[in-house]
Amino acid sequence: MIKPLIYSILLLVALSACTPSQQVTNSWVNREAIPKESYKSIFIIAFANDVNAKIKVENELAKVLISRGKKAVKSTDVFTAAFIADTTRTRDQVLNAISATGCDAVLTVDLLDVKTDESYQPATSYYPVEHSFYGSYNRHTVYYFGYVEEPGYTITNRTFYLQGDFYDLASDNLLWSIQSDAFNPSDIESWFQGYAKLLLNQLKKEGLIKK
């Protein structure tokens, strides 16, 4: 059920002047397995081989969950470096360690892909200010201040594709999966503040959590 904790992806951060946007592209719900009671204690795992990125992502997810009255436990607080380094641990031992936290569900976040594309903006030239030299006496005579030339430049855009999965810990069932993309996020904190809300709003919509 749970993927290896050290997963070979690099969680990149795109620095861009563009406004970040993210959207749900696909979702799936195992409605037959959804319990009557919503989940209150959730174990969070962000798959990333960049430890700092992993910590930041899990922190942002935990903040939003806690703000909505849920118990949130981060994998970075449970799985120590020694725990992860022990390759002899079995799947059941990992699940038992999660169960020991008192959580009844697991939320995982995984970066599936990053696509980069470039576009070239050609050079431009223009007069930035237009002024009537004779004011209101002659509206047809125009005087321009400063002729501006801007060189061409290349814009690099990055789109990040993510997947969130929600498991029932006791039954080992995958209850919900969602795919989304984010266009030119400026930094991890602001990106995942929005992403965490997006995930939890969808979980609420499906009845897996109440708030």
N, C-alpha and C. Protein backbone atom coordinates (compact mmCIF):
# COMPACT_ATOMS: atom_id res chain seq x y z
N MET A 1 0.83 -1.21 0.00
CA MET A 1 0.00 0.00 0.00
C MET A 1 0.86 1.26 0.00
N ILE A 2 1.79 1.34 0.97
CA ILE A 2 2.61 2.54 1.10
C ILE A 2 3.86 2.40 0.24
N LYS A 3 4.14 3.38 -0.58
CA LYS A 3 5.31 3.35 -1.45
C LYS A 3 6.57 3.52 -0.61
N PRO A 4 7.75 3.18 -1.16
CA PRO A 4 8.99 3.38 -0.42
C PRO A 4 9.14 4.83 -0.01
N LEU A 5 9.66 5.05 1.18
CA LEU A 5 9.73 6.42 1.70
C LEU A 5 10.75 7.26 0.95
N ILE A 6 11.80 6.63 0.47
CA ILE A 6 12.75 7.37 -0.36
C ILE A 6 12.39 7.08 -1.80
N TYR A 7 11.72 8.01 -2.42
CA TYR A 7 11.18 7.82 -3.77
C TYR A 7 11.95 8.70 -4.73
N SER A 8 12.36 8.16 -5.86
CA SER A 8 13.29 8.85 -6.74
C SER A 8 12.61 9.94 -7.57
N ILE A 9 12.21 11.03 -6.88
CA ILE A 9 11.71 12.21 -7.57
C ILE A 9 12.37 13.43 -6.98
N LEU A 10 12.48 14.47 -7.73
CA LEU A 10 13.04 15.72 -7.25
C LEU A 10 11.93 16.75 -7.25
N LEU A 11 11.56 17.25 -6.07
CA LEU A 11 10.50 18.24 -5.97
C LEU A 11 11.10 19.60 -6.26
N LEU A 12 10.93 20.08 -7.50
CA LEU A 12 11.51 21.32 -7.94
C LEU A 12 10.64 22.49 -7.57
N VAL A 13 11.24 23.67 -7.47
CA VAL A 13 10.50 24.89 -7.22
C VAL A 13 10.72 25.84 -8.39
N ALA A 14 9.67 26.25 -9.03
CA ALA A 14 9.78 27.14 -10.19
C ALA A 14 9.64 28.58 -9.74
N LEU A 15 10.60 29.41 -10.07
CA LEU A 15 10.53 30.82 -9.75
C LEU A 15 10.07 31.57 -10.98
N SER A 16 8.91 32.20 -10.88
CA SER A 16 8.33 32.84 -12.04
C SER A 16 7.51 34.03 -11.62
N ALA A 17 7.44 35.02 -12.51
CA ALA A 17 6.61 36.20 -12.25
C ALA A 17 5.15 35.94 -12.55
N CYS A 18 4.86 34.81 -13.19
CA CYS A 18 3.48 34.50 -13.55
C CYS A 18 2.68 34.13 -12.32
N THR A 19 1.40 34.33 -12.39
CA THR A 19 0.53 33.97 -11.28
C THR A 19 0.36 32.47 -11.24
N PRO A 20 0.64 31.81 -10.07
CA PRO A 20 0.52 30.36 -10.01
C PRO A 20 -0.94 29.95 -10.07
N SER A 21 -1.20 28.80 -10.68
CA SER A 21 -2.55 28.28 -10.72
C SER A 21 -2.48 26.78 -10.62
N GLN A 22 -3.49 26.18 -10.01
CA GLN A 22 -3.56 24.73 -9.94
C GLN A 22 -5.00 24.29 -10.07
N GLN A 23 -5.15 23.10 -10.61
CA GLN A 23 -6.49 22.61 -10.88
C GLN A 23 -6.53 21.09 -10.78
N VAL A 24 -7.70 20.58 -10.48
CA VAL A 24 -7.92 19.14 -10.46
C VAL A 24 -8.13 18.67 -11.90
N THR A 25 -7.39 17.66 -12.30
CA THR A 25 -7.51 17.14 -13.66
C THR A 25 -8.25 15.81 -13.71
N ASN A 26 -8.20 15.07 -12.60
CA ASN A 26 -8.89 13.78 -12.57
C ASN A 26 -9.03 13.32 -11.12
N SER A 27 -10.10 12.59 -10.83
CA SER A 27 -10.27 12.04 -9.49
C SER A 27 -11.06 10.75 -9.55
N TRP A 28 -10.84 9.91 -8.56
CA TRP A 28 -11.51 8.62 -8.47
C TRP A 28 -11.86 8.36 -7.02
N VAL A 29 -13.03 7.79 -6.79
CA VAL A 29 -13.50 7.50 -5.43
C VAL A 29 -14.02 6.08 -5.37
N ASN A 30 -13.58 5.34 -4.35
CA ASN A 30 -14.06 3.99 -4.09
C ASN A 30 -15.27 4.10 -3.16
N ARG A 31 -16.40 4.45 -3.71
CA ARG A 31 -17.58 4.77 -2.90
C ARG A 31 -18.07 3.59 -2.08
N GLU A 32 -17.90 2.39 -2.58
CA GLU A 32 -18.38 1.22 -1.85
C GLU A 32 -17.60 0.98 -0.56
N ALA A 33 -16.37 1.51 -0.50
CA ALA A 33 -15.53 1.26 0.67
C ALA A 33 -15.52 2.43 1.66
N ILE A 34 -16.16 3.54 1.32
CA ILE A 34 -16.16 4.70 2.21
C ILE A 34 -16.97 4.40 3.47
N PRO A 35 -16.41 4.56 4.66
CA PRO A 35 -17.14 4.29 5.89
C PRO A 35 -18.19 5.36 6.19
N LYS A 36 -19.10 5.04 7.10
CA LYS A 36 -20.14 5.99 7.47
C LYS A 36 -19.58 7.18 8.23
N GLU A 37 -18.61 6.94 9.09
CA GLU A 37 -17.99 8.00 9.87
C GLU A 37 -16.79 8.58 9.12
N SER A 38 -16.66 9.89 9.17
CA SER A 38 -15.51 10.53 8.51
C SER A 38 -14.25 10.34 9.35
N TYR A 39 -13.11 10.51 8.72
CA TYR A 39 -11.83 10.30 9.39
C TYR A 39 -11.41 11.54 10.18
N LYS A 40 -10.80 11.29 11.33
CA LYS A 40 -10.39 12.39 12.21
C LYS A 40 -8.89 12.45 12.43
N SER A 41 -8.19 11.34 12.21
CA SER A 41 -6.75 11.28 12.45
C SER A 41 -6.06 10.81 11.17
N ILE A 42 -5.22 11.65 10.62
CA ILE A 42 -4.64 11.37 9.29
C ILE A 42 -3.12 11.41 9.34
N PHE A 43 -2.51 10.37 8.82
CA PHE A 43 -1.05 10.28 8.71
C PHE A 43 -0.64 10.79 7.34
N ILE A 44 0.32 11.70 7.29
CA ILE A 44 0.71 12.37 6.05
C ILE A 44 2.07 11.88 5.57
N ILE A 45 2.14 11.51 4.30
CA ILE A 45 3.42 11.15 3.69
C ILE A 45 3.58 11.90 2.38
N ALA A 46 4.64 12.70 2.29
CA ALA A 46 5.01 13.35 1.02
C ALA A 46 6.21 12.60 0.48
N PHE A 47 6.12 12.11 -0.75
CA PHE A 47 7.22 11.37 -1.35
C PHE A 47 8.16 12.35 -2.05
N ALA A 48 9.37 12.46 -1.52
CA ALA A 48 10.38 13.34 -2.12
C ALA A 48 11.74 12.92 -1.60
N ASN A 49 12.75 12.93 -2.45
CA ASN A 49 14.08 12.62 -1.98
C ASN A 49 14.80 13.86 -1.48
N ASP A 50 14.18 15.01 -1.64
CA ASP A 50 14.69 16.25 -1.06
C ASP A 50 14.04 16.39 0.32
N VAL A 51 14.82 16.18 1.37
CA VAL A 51 14.28 16.15 2.73
C VAL A 51 13.63 17.47 3.11
N ASN A 52 14.26 18.59 2.75
CA ASN A 52 13.69 19.89 3.09
C ASN A 52 12.34 20.11 2.41
N ALA A 53 12.24 19.70 1.15
CA ALA A 53 10.97 19.83 0.43
C ALA A 53 9.92 18.94 1.08
N LYS A 54 10.30 17.73 1.45
CA LYS A 54 9.39 16.78 2.09
C LYS A 54 8.84 17.37 3.39
N ILE A 55 9.71 17.96 4.20
CA ILE A 55 9.29 18.55 5.47
C ILE A 55 8.32 19.70 5.24
N LYS A 56 8.63 20.56 4.27
CA LYS A 56 7.77 21.71 4.00
C LYS A 56 6.39 21.30 3.53
N VAL A 57 6.35 20.31 2.64
CA VAL A 57 5.07 19.84 2.11
C VAL A 57 4.22 19.24 3.23
N GLU A 58 4.82 18.38 4.03
CA GLU A 58 4.07 17.76 5.12
C GLU A 58 3.62 18.78 6.16
N ASN A 59 4.46 19.78 6.41
CA ASN A 59 4.08 20.84 7.35
C ASN A 59 2.84 21.60 6.88
N GLU A 60 2.81 21.94 5.58
CA GLU A 60 1.69 22.70 5.05
C GLU A 60 0.40 21.87 5.08
N LEU A 61 0.50 20.60 4.73
CA LEU A 61 -0.67 19.74 4.78
C LEU A 61 -1.18 19.59 6.21
N ALA A 62 -0.25 19.42 7.15
CA ALA A 62 -0.64 19.26 8.56
C ALA A 62 -1.31 20.52 9.09
N LYS A 63 -0.79 21.69 8.72
CA LYS A 63 -1.37 22.95 9.18
C LYS A 63 -2.84 23.06 8.81
N VAL A 64 -3.13 22.75 7.56
CA VAL A 64 -4.52 22.88 7.10
C VAL A 64 -5.42 21.85 7.79
N LEU A 65 -4.93 20.63 7.93
CA LEU A 65 -5.72 19.60 8.62
C LEU A 65 -6.02 20.00 10.06
N ILE A 66 -5.01 20.47 10.76
CA ILE A 66 -5.17 20.87 12.17
C ILE A 66 -6.13 22.05 12.27
N SER A 67 -6.04 22.99 11.33
CA SER A 67 -6.92 24.15 11.34
C SER A 67 -8.39 23.75 11.16
N ARG A 68 -8.61 22.55 10.63
CA ARG A 68 -9.97 22.06 10.43
C ARG A 68 -10.38 21.03 11.48
N GLY A 69 -9.63 21.02 12.57
CA GLY A 69 -10.00 20.17 13.69
C GLY A 69 -9.58 18.72 13.59
N LYS A 70 -8.66 18.41 12.69
CA LYS A 70 -8.21 17.03 12.52
C LYS A 70 -6.88 16.82 13.25
N LYS A 71 -6.64 15.58 13.60
CA LYS A 71 -5.32 15.21 14.09
C LYS A 71 -4.46 14.89 12.89
N ALA A 72 -3.27 15.45 12.83
CA ALA A 72 -2.37 15.21 11.71
C ALA A 72 -1.01 14.78 12.23
N VAL A 73 -0.51 13.68 11.71
CA VAL A 73 0.81 13.17 12.09
C VAL A 73 1.66 13.11 10.82
N LYS A 74 2.84 13.70 10.87
CA LYS A 74 3.72 13.74 9.70
C LYS A 74 4.70 12.57 9.72
N SER A 75 4.96 12.03 8.56
CA SER A 75 5.91 10.91 8.48
C SER A 75 7.29 11.33 8.94
N THR A 76 7.63 12.60 8.72
CA THR A 76 8.95 13.08 9.12
C THR A 76 9.13 13.11 10.64
N ASP A 77 8.02 13.06 11.40
CA ASP A 77 8.10 13.01 12.86
C ASP A 77 8.14 11.58 13.38
N VAL A 78 7.85 10.62 12.52
CA VAL A 78 7.78 9.22 12.95
C VAL A 78 8.90 8.40 12.36
N PHE A 79 9.13 8.56 11.06
CA PHE A 79 10.16 7.77 10.39
C PHE A 79 11.49 8.53 10.45
N THR A 80 12.31 8.15 11.40
CA THR A 80 13.61 8.77 11.56
C THR A 80 14.55 8.31 10.44
N ALA A 81 15.70 8.96 10.38
CA ALA A 81 16.69 8.58 9.36
C ALA A 81 17.12 7.13 9.55
N ALA A 82 17.24 6.69 10.81
CA ALA A 82 17.63 5.31 11.09
C ALA A 82 16.53 4.34 10.65
N PHE A 83 15.27 4.74 10.86
CA PHE A 83 14.14 3.89 10.47
C PHE A 83 14.14 3.70 8.95
N ILE A 84 14.33 4.78 8.24
CA ILE A 84 14.32 4.73 6.78
C ILE A 84 15.52 3.94 6.24
N ALA A 85 16.66 4.10 6.90
CA ALA A 85 17.89 3.45 6.43
C ALA A 85 17.86 1.93 6.61
N ASP A 86 16.98 1.46 7.50
CA ASP A 86 16.89 0.01 7.76
C ASP A 86 16.09 -0.66 6.64
N THR A 87 16.78 -1.22 5.67
CA THR A 87 16.13 -1.84 4.51
C THR A 87 15.53 -3.20 4.82
N THR A 88 15.75 -3.70 6.04
CA THR A 88 15.20 -5.01 6.40
C THR A 88 13.77 -4.90 6.94
N ARG A 89 13.29 -3.69 7.14
CA ARG A 89 11.93 -3.52 7.68
C ARG A 89 10.90 -4.01 6.68
N THR A 90 9.92 -4.68 7.21
CA THR A 90 8.86 -5.20 6.36
C THR A 90 7.74 -4.17 6.21
N ARG A 91 6.87 -4.44 5.27
CA ARG A 91 5.71 -3.57 5.05
C ARG A 91 4.83 -3.52 6.29
N ASP A 92 4.65 -4.67 6.94
CA ASP A 92 3.82 -4.71 8.15
C ASP A 92 4.42 -3.88 9.27
N GLN A 93 5.74 -3.85 9.37
CA GLN A 93 6.39 -3.04 10.39
C GLN A 93 6.15 -1.56 10.15
N VAL A 94 6.16 -1.16 8.88
CA VAL A 94 5.89 0.23 8.53
C VAL A 94 4.44 0.58 8.89
N LEU A 95 3.52 -0.31 8.54
CA LEU A 95 2.11 -0.06 8.84
C LEU A 95 1.85 -0.04 10.34
N ASN A 96 2.53 -0.90 11.07
CA ASN A 96 2.38 -0.92 12.52
C ASN A 96 2.88 0.39 13.14
N ALA A 97 3.96 0.92 12.59
CA ALA A 97 4.48 2.19 13.10
C ALA A 97 3.48 3.32 12.86
N ILE A 98 2.78 3.27 11.73
CA ILE A 98 1.76 4.28 11.44
C ILE A 98 0.56 4.08 12.37
N SER A 99 0.13 2.84 12.55
CA SER A 99 -1.02 2.54 13.41
C SER A 99 -0.76 2.98 14.85
N ALA A 100 0.49 2.88 15.29
CA ALA A 100 0.84 3.26 16.65
C ALA A 100 0.62 4.74 16.93
N THR A 101 0.51 5.54 15.91
CA THR A 101 0.27 6.98 16.09
C THR A 101 -1.20 7.28 16.39
N GLY A 102 -2.06 6.28 16.23
CA GLY A 102 -3.48 6.49 16.47
C GLY A 102 -4.24 6.99 15.26
N CYS A 103 -3.58 7.07 14.13
CA CYS A 103 -4.26 7.53 12.91
C CYS A 103 -5.10 6.41 12.31
N ASP A 104 -6.16 6.80 11.63
CA ASP A 104 -7.01 5.81 10.98
C ASP A 104 -7.01 5.93 9.46
N ALA A 105 -6.27 6.89 8.94
CA ALA A 105 -6.17 7.08 7.49
C ALA A 105 -4.79 7.59 7.13
N VAL A 106 -4.42 7.38 5.87
CA VAL A 106 -3.12 7.84 5.37
C VAL A 106 -3.36 8.68 4.12
N LEU A 107 -2.76 9.86 4.11
CA LEU A 107 -2.81 10.74 2.93
C LEU A 107 -1.41 10.86 2.36
N THR A 108 -1.24 10.44 1.10
CA THR A 108 0.06 10.55 0.46
C THR A 108 0.01 11.57 -0.67
N VAL A 109 1.14 12.22 -0.90
CA VAL A 109 1.28 13.18 -1.98
C VAL A 109 2.52 12.83 -2.78
N ASP A 110 2.38 12.77 -4.08
CA ASP A 110 3.46 12.31 -4.94
C ASP A 110 3.57 13.22 -6.16
N LEU A 111 4.78 13.67 -6.46
CA LEU A 111 5.03 14.43 -7.68
C LEU A 111 5.23 13.45 -8.82
N LEU A 112 4.31 13.45 -9.78
CA LEU A 112 4.37 12.49 -10.88
C LEU A 112 5.31 12.92 -11.99
N ASP A 113 5.29 14.22 -12.30
CA ASP A 113 6.08 14.67 -13.46
C ASP A 113 6.22 16.19 -13.41
N VAL A 114 7.23 16.67 -14.08
CA VAL A 114 7.44 18.11 -14.28
C VAL A 114 7.73 18.33 -15.75
N LYS A 115 6.93 19.18 -16.39
CA LYS A 115 7.15 19.48 -17.80
C LYS A 115 7.54 20.94 -17.96
N THR A 116 8.56 21.15 -18.77
CA THR A 116 9.09 22.50 -18.99
C THR A 116 8.96 22.87 -20.46
N ASP A 117 8.52 24.09 -20.69
CA ASP A 117 8.49 24.58 -22.07
C ASP A 117 8.93 26.04 -22.09
N GLU A 118 9.47 26.45 -23.21
CA GLU A 118 9.97 27.81 -23.37
C GLU A 118 9.28 28.50 -24.54
N SER A 119 9.05 29.78 -24.37
CA SER A 119 8.48 30.58 -25.46
C SER A 119 9.27 31.88 -25.58
N TYR A 120 9.45 32.34 -26.78
CA TYR A 120 10.24 33.56 -27.02
C TYR A 120 9.33 34.74 -27.28
N GLN A 121 9.55 35.81 -26.52
CA GLN A 121 8.81 37.05 -26.72
C GLN A 121 9.68 38.00 -27.54
N PRO A 122 9.27 38.39 -28.73
CA PRO A 122 10.10 39.23 -29.59
C PRO A 122 10.29 40.63 -29.01
N ALA A 123 11.30 41.33 -29.53
CA ALA A 123 11.59 42.69 -29.10
C ALA A 123 10.42 43.62 -29.43
N THR A 124 10.23 44.63 -28.60
CA THR A 124 9.15 45.61 -28.83
C THR A 124 9.70 47.02 -28.68
N SER A 125 9.04 47.97 -29.31
CA SER A 125 9.40 49.39 -29.17
C SER A 125 8.12 50.20 -29.16
N TYR A 126 8.10 51.24 -28.32
CA TYR A 126 6.88 52.04 -28.19
C TYR A 126 7.18 53.37 -27.49
N TYR A 127 6.22 54.28 -27.57
CA TYR A 127 6.25 55.53 -26.83
C TYR A 127 5.40 55.34 -25.57
N PRO A 128 5.99 55.40 -24.39
CA PRO A 128 5.23 55.10 -23.16
C PRO A 128 4.26 56.19 -22.74
N VAL A 129 4.52 57.47 -23.09
CA VAL A 129 3.67 58.56 -22.62
C VAL A 129 3.21 59.39 -23.80
N GLU A 130 1.95 59.69 -23.85
CA GLU A 130 1.39 60.52 -24.91
C GLU A 130 0.88 61.82 -24.28
N HIS A 131 1.30 62.96 -24.86
CA HIS A 131 0.93 64.24 -24.24
C HIS A 131 0.55 65.25 -25.32
N SER A 132 -0.55 65.89 -25.15
CA SER A 132 -0.95 66.94 -26.08
C SER A 132 -0.16 68.20 -25.79
N PHE A 133 0.67 68.61 -26.76
CA PHE A 133 1.59 69.74 -26.55
C PHE A 133 0.86 71.04 -26.26
N TYR A 134 -0.28 71.28 -26.91
CA TYR A 134 -1.02 72.52 -26.70
C TYR A 134 -2.24 72.34 -25.78
N GLY A 135 -2.25 71.22 -25.04
CA GLY A 135 -3.34 71.00 -24.11
C GLY A 135 -4.67 70.90 -24.83
N SER A 136 -5.71 71.47 -24.23
CA SER A 136 -7.06 71.36 -24.78
C SER A 136 -7.27 72.27 -25.99
N TYR A 137 -6.29 73.14 -26.33
CA TYR A 137 -6.46 74.05 -27.45
C TYR A 137 -6.23 73.37 -28.80
N ASN A 138 -5.47 72.31 -28.77
CA ASN A 138 -5.23 71.61 -30.04
C ASN A 138 -5.10 70.11 -29.75
N ARG A 139 -6.16 69.39 -29.87
CA ARG A 139 -6.17 67.96 -29.53
C ARG A 139 -5.53 67.11 -30.62
N HIS A 140 -5.20 67.71 -31.75
CA HIS A 140 -4.63 66.92 -32.83
C HIS A 140 -3.11 66.97 -32.86
N THR A 141 -2.52 67.82 -32.02
CA THR A 141 -1.06 67.90 -31.97
C THR A 141 -0.59 67.10 -30.77
N VAL A 142 0.23 66.06 -31.01
CA VAL A 142 0.65 65.15 -29.93
C VAL A 142 2.17 65.17 -29.81
N TYR A 143 2.62 65.20 -28.54
CA TYR A 143 4.05 65.20 -28.27
C TYR A 143 4.38 63.97 -27.42
N TYR A 144 5.42 63.23 -27.79
CA TYR A 144 5.75 62.00 -27.10
C TYR A 144 7.02 62.16 -26.27
N PHE A 145 6.97 61.61 -25.06
CA PHE A 145 8.15 61.61 -24.20
C PHE A 145 8.79 60.23 -24.22
N GLY A 146 10.03 60.15 -24.63
CA GLY A 146 10.82 58.92 -24.48
C GLY A 146 10.39 57.78 -25.37
N TYR A 147 11.25 57.36 -26.22
CA TYR A 147 11.02 56.21 -27.08
C TYR A 147 11.68 55.00 -26.42
N VAL A 148 10.91 53.96 -26.16
CA VAL A 148 11.41 52.81 -25.40
C VAL A 148 11.56 51.60 -26.30
N GLU A 149 12.71 50.95 -26.17
CA GLU A 149 12.94 49.69 -26.88
C GLU A 149 13.22 48.60 -25.85
N GLU A 150 12.48 47.51 -25.94
CA GLU A 150 12.70 46.37 -25.04
C GLU A 150 13.16 45.18 -25.85
N PRO A 151 14.28 44.56 -25.43
CA PRO A 151 14.80 43.42 -26.18
C PRO A 151 13.91 42.19 -26.02
N GLY A 152 14.07 41.25 -26.91
CA GLY A 152 13.33 40.00 -26.80
C GLY A 152 13.84 39.17 -25.63
N TYR A 153 13.02 38.27 -25.16
CA TYR A 153 13.43 37.44 -24.03
C TYR A 153 12.67 36.11 -24.08
N THR A 154 13.21 35.14 -23.34
CA THR A 154 12.63 33.81 -23.30
C THR A 154 11.93 33.58 -21.97
N ILE A 155 10.72 33.06 -22.03
CA ILE A 155 9.96 32.72 -20.83
C ILE A 155 9.99 31.20 -20.66
N THR A 156 10.37 30.76 -19.46
CA THR A 156 10.37 29.34 -19.13
C THR A 156 9.19 29.03 -18.22
N ASN A 157 8.33 28.15 -18.65
CA ASN A 157 7.17 27.75 -17.86
C ASN A 157 7.33 26.31 -17.39
N ARG A 158 6.92 26.06 -16.15
CA ARG A 158 6.96 24.70 -15.62
C ARG A 158 5.59 24.31 -15.09
N THR A 159 5.16 23.13 -15.47
CA THR A 159 3.91 22.59 -14.96
C THR A 159 4.21 21.33 -14.15
N PHE A 160 3.72 21.31 -12.93
CA PHE A 160 3.95 20.19 -12.01
C PHE A 160 2.69 19.33 -11.95
N TYR A 161 2.86 18.03 -12.06
CA TYR A 161 1.74 17.10 -12.03
C TYR A 161 1.82 16.27 -10.75
N LEU A 162 0.76 16.32 -9.95
CA LEU A 162 0.78 15.66 -8.66
C LEU A 162 -0.37 14.67 -8.51
N GLN A 163 -0.18 13.74 -7.59
CA GLN A 163 -1.25 12.81 -7.24
C GLN A 163 -1.35 12.71 -5.74
N GLY A 164 -2.57 12.79 -5.24
CA GLY A 164 -2.85 12.58 -3.82
C GLY A 164 -3.69 11.33 -3.66
N ASP A 165 -3.32 10.48 -2.71
CA ASP A 165 -4.06 9.25 -2.44
C ASP A 165 -4.47 9.20 -0.98
N PHE A 166 -5.66 8.67 -0.72
CA PHE A 166 -6.20 8.60 0.63
C PHE A 166 -6.57 7.15 0.93
N TYR A 167 -5.95 6.57 1.98
CA TYR A 167 -6.14 5.17 2.32
C TYR A 167 -6.82 5.01 3.68
N ASP A 168 -7.64 3.97 3.78
CA ASP A 168 -8.11 3.52 5.08
C ASP A 168 -7.04 2.60 5.65
N LEU A 169 -6.52 2.95 6.81
CA LEU A 169 -5.38 2.21 7.34
C LEU A 169 -5.76 0.80 7.79
N ALA A 170 -6.90 0.64 8.42
CA ALA A 170 -7.30 -0.67 8.95
C ALA A 170 -7.57 -1.68 7.84
N SER A 171 -8.26 -1.27 6.79
CA SER A 171 -8.64 -2.20 5.72
C SER A 171 -7.63 -2.28 4.59
N ASP A 172 -6.69 -1.33 4.57
CA ASP A 172 -5.69 -1.29 3.50
C ASP A 172 -6.31 -0.92 2.16
N ASN A 173 -7.47 -0.26 2.19
CA ASN A 173 -8.16 0.12 0.96
C ASN A 173 -7.78 1.52 0.50
N LEU A 174 -7.57 1.66 -0.80
CA LEU A 174 -7.44 2.98 -1.40
C LEU A 174 -8.86 3.51 -1.59
N LEU A 175 -9.18 4.63 -0.93
CA LEU A 175 -10.53 5.18 -0.99
C LEU A 175 -10.68 6.28 -2.03
N TRP A 176 -9.58 6.97 -2.28
CA TRP A 176 -9.71 8.18 -3.10
C TRP A 176 -8.37 8.52 -3.71
N SER A 177 -8.40 8.96 -4.97
CA SER A 177 -7.17 9.37 -5.65
C SER A 177 -7.49 10.60 -6.49
N ILE A 178 -6.59 11.55 -6.48
CA ILE A 178 -6.82 12.79 -7.23
C ILE A 178 -5.54 13.20 -7.94
N GLN A 179 -5.69 13.59 -9.20
CA GLN A 179 -4.56 14.13 -9.96
C GLN A 179 -4.81 15.62 -10.20
N SER A 180 -3.76 16.39 -10.12
CA SER A 180 -3.87 17.83 -10.33
C SER A 180 -2.58 18.34 -10.93
N ASP A 181 -2.64 19.56 -11.47
CA ASP A 181 -1.42 20.19 -11.96
C ASP A 181 -1.32 21.60 -11.43
N ALA A 182 -0.10 22.07 -11.36
CA ALA A 182 0.19 23.43 -10.88
C ALA A 182 1.10 24.10 -11.90
N PHE A 183 0.72 25.31 -12.30
CA PHE A 183 1.47 26.04 -13.32
C PHE A 183 2.30 27.15 -12.68
N ASN A 184 3.61 27.05 -12.83
CA ASN A 184 4.55 28.06 -12.34
C ASN A 184 4.34 28.47 -10.88
N PRO A 185 4.37 27.52 -9.94
CA PRO A 185 4.29 27.93 -8.53
C PRO A 185 5.52 28.73 -8.14
N SER A 186 5.33 29.72 -7.29
CA SER A 186 6.43 30.62 -6.94
C SER A 186 7.34 30.03 -5.86
N ASP A 187 6.76 29.28 -4.91
CA ASP A 187 7.55 28.64 -3.86
C ASP A 187 6.74 27.53 -3.23
N ILE A 188 7.39 26.65 -2.51
CA ILE A 188 6.73 25.47 -1.96
C ILE A 188 5.66 25.85 -0.95
N GLU A 189 5.97 26.81 -0.04
CA GLU A 189 5.01 27.14 1.01
C GLU A 189 3.68 27.63 0.45
N SER A 190 3.73 28.64 -0.40
CA SER A 190 2.48 29.19 -0.93
C SER A 190 1.79 28.20 -1.85
N TRP A 191 2.59 27.45 -2.61
CA TRP A 191 2.02 26.45 -3.50
C TRP A 191 1.23 25.42 -2.70
N PHE A 192 1.85 24.86 -1.65
CA PHE A 192 1.19 23.78 -0.93
C PHE A 192 0.17 24.26 0.09
N GLN A 193 0.16 25.54 0.41
CA GLN A 193 -0.97 26.08 1.17
C GLN A 193 -2.23 25.93 0.33
N GLY A 194 -2.13 26.34 -0.93
CA GLY A 194 -3.25 26.21 -1.84
C GLY A 194 -3.56 24.76 -2.17
N TYR A 195 -2.51 23.95 -2.35
CA TYR A 195 -2.70 22.55 -2.70
C TYR A 195 -3.37 21.78 -1.56
N ALA A 196 -2.95 22.08 -0.32
CA ALA A 196 -3.55 21.42 0.84
C ALA A 196 -5.04 21.72 0.92
N LYS A 197 -5.40 22.96 0.70
CA LYS A 197 -6.82 23.33 0.73
C LYS A 197 -7.59 22.64 -0.39
N LEU A 198 -6.96 22.57 -1.56
CA LEU A 198 -7.59 21.90 -2.70
C LEU A 198 -7.88 20.44 -2.35
N LEU A 199 -6.88 19.73 -1.79
CA LEU A 199 -7.05 18.34 -1.43
C LEU A 199 -8.16 18.16 -0.40
N LEU A 200 -8.11 18.95 0.66
CA LEU A 200 -9.05 18.77 1.75
C LEU A 200 -10.47 19.16 1.36
N ASN A 201 -10.59 20.14 0.50
CA ASN A 201 -11.93 20.49 0.00
C ASN A 201 -12.53 19.33 -0.79
N GLN A 202 -11.67 18.64 -1.55
CA GLN A 202 -12.15 17.49 -2.31
C GLN A 202 -12.50 16.32 -1.39
N LEU A 203 -11.70 16.13 -0.33
CA LEU A 203 -11.99 15.07 0.64
C LEU A 203 -13.30 15.34 1.36
N LYS A 204 -13.54 16.60 1.67
CA LYS A 204 -14.81 16.98 2.30
C LYS A 204 -15.97 16.73 1.34
N LYS A 205 -15.77 17.08 0.10
CA LYS A 205 -16.81 16.90 -0.92
C LYS A 205 -17.21 15.44 -1.04
N GLU A 206 -16.24 14.53 -0.90
CA GLU A 206 -16.52 13.10 -1.02
C GLU A 206 -16.98 12.48 0.29
N GLY A 207 -17.03 13.26 1.37
CA GLY A 207 -17.51 12.75 2.65
C GLY A 207 -16.48 12.03 3.49
N LEU A 208 -15.20 12.13 3.11
CA LEU A 208 -14.16 11.45 3.86
C LEU A 208 -13.75 12.22 5.10
N ILE A 209 -13.89 13.53 5.08
CA ILE A 209 -13.72 14.36 6.26
C ILE A 209 -14.89 15.33 6.32
N LYS A 210 -15.13 15.91 7.49
CA LYS A 210 -16.30 16.78 7.65
C LYS A 210 -16.00 18.24 7.39
N LYS A 211 -14.78 18.70 7.67
CA LYS A 211 -14.47 20.13 7.51
C LYS A 211 -13.47 20.34 6.41
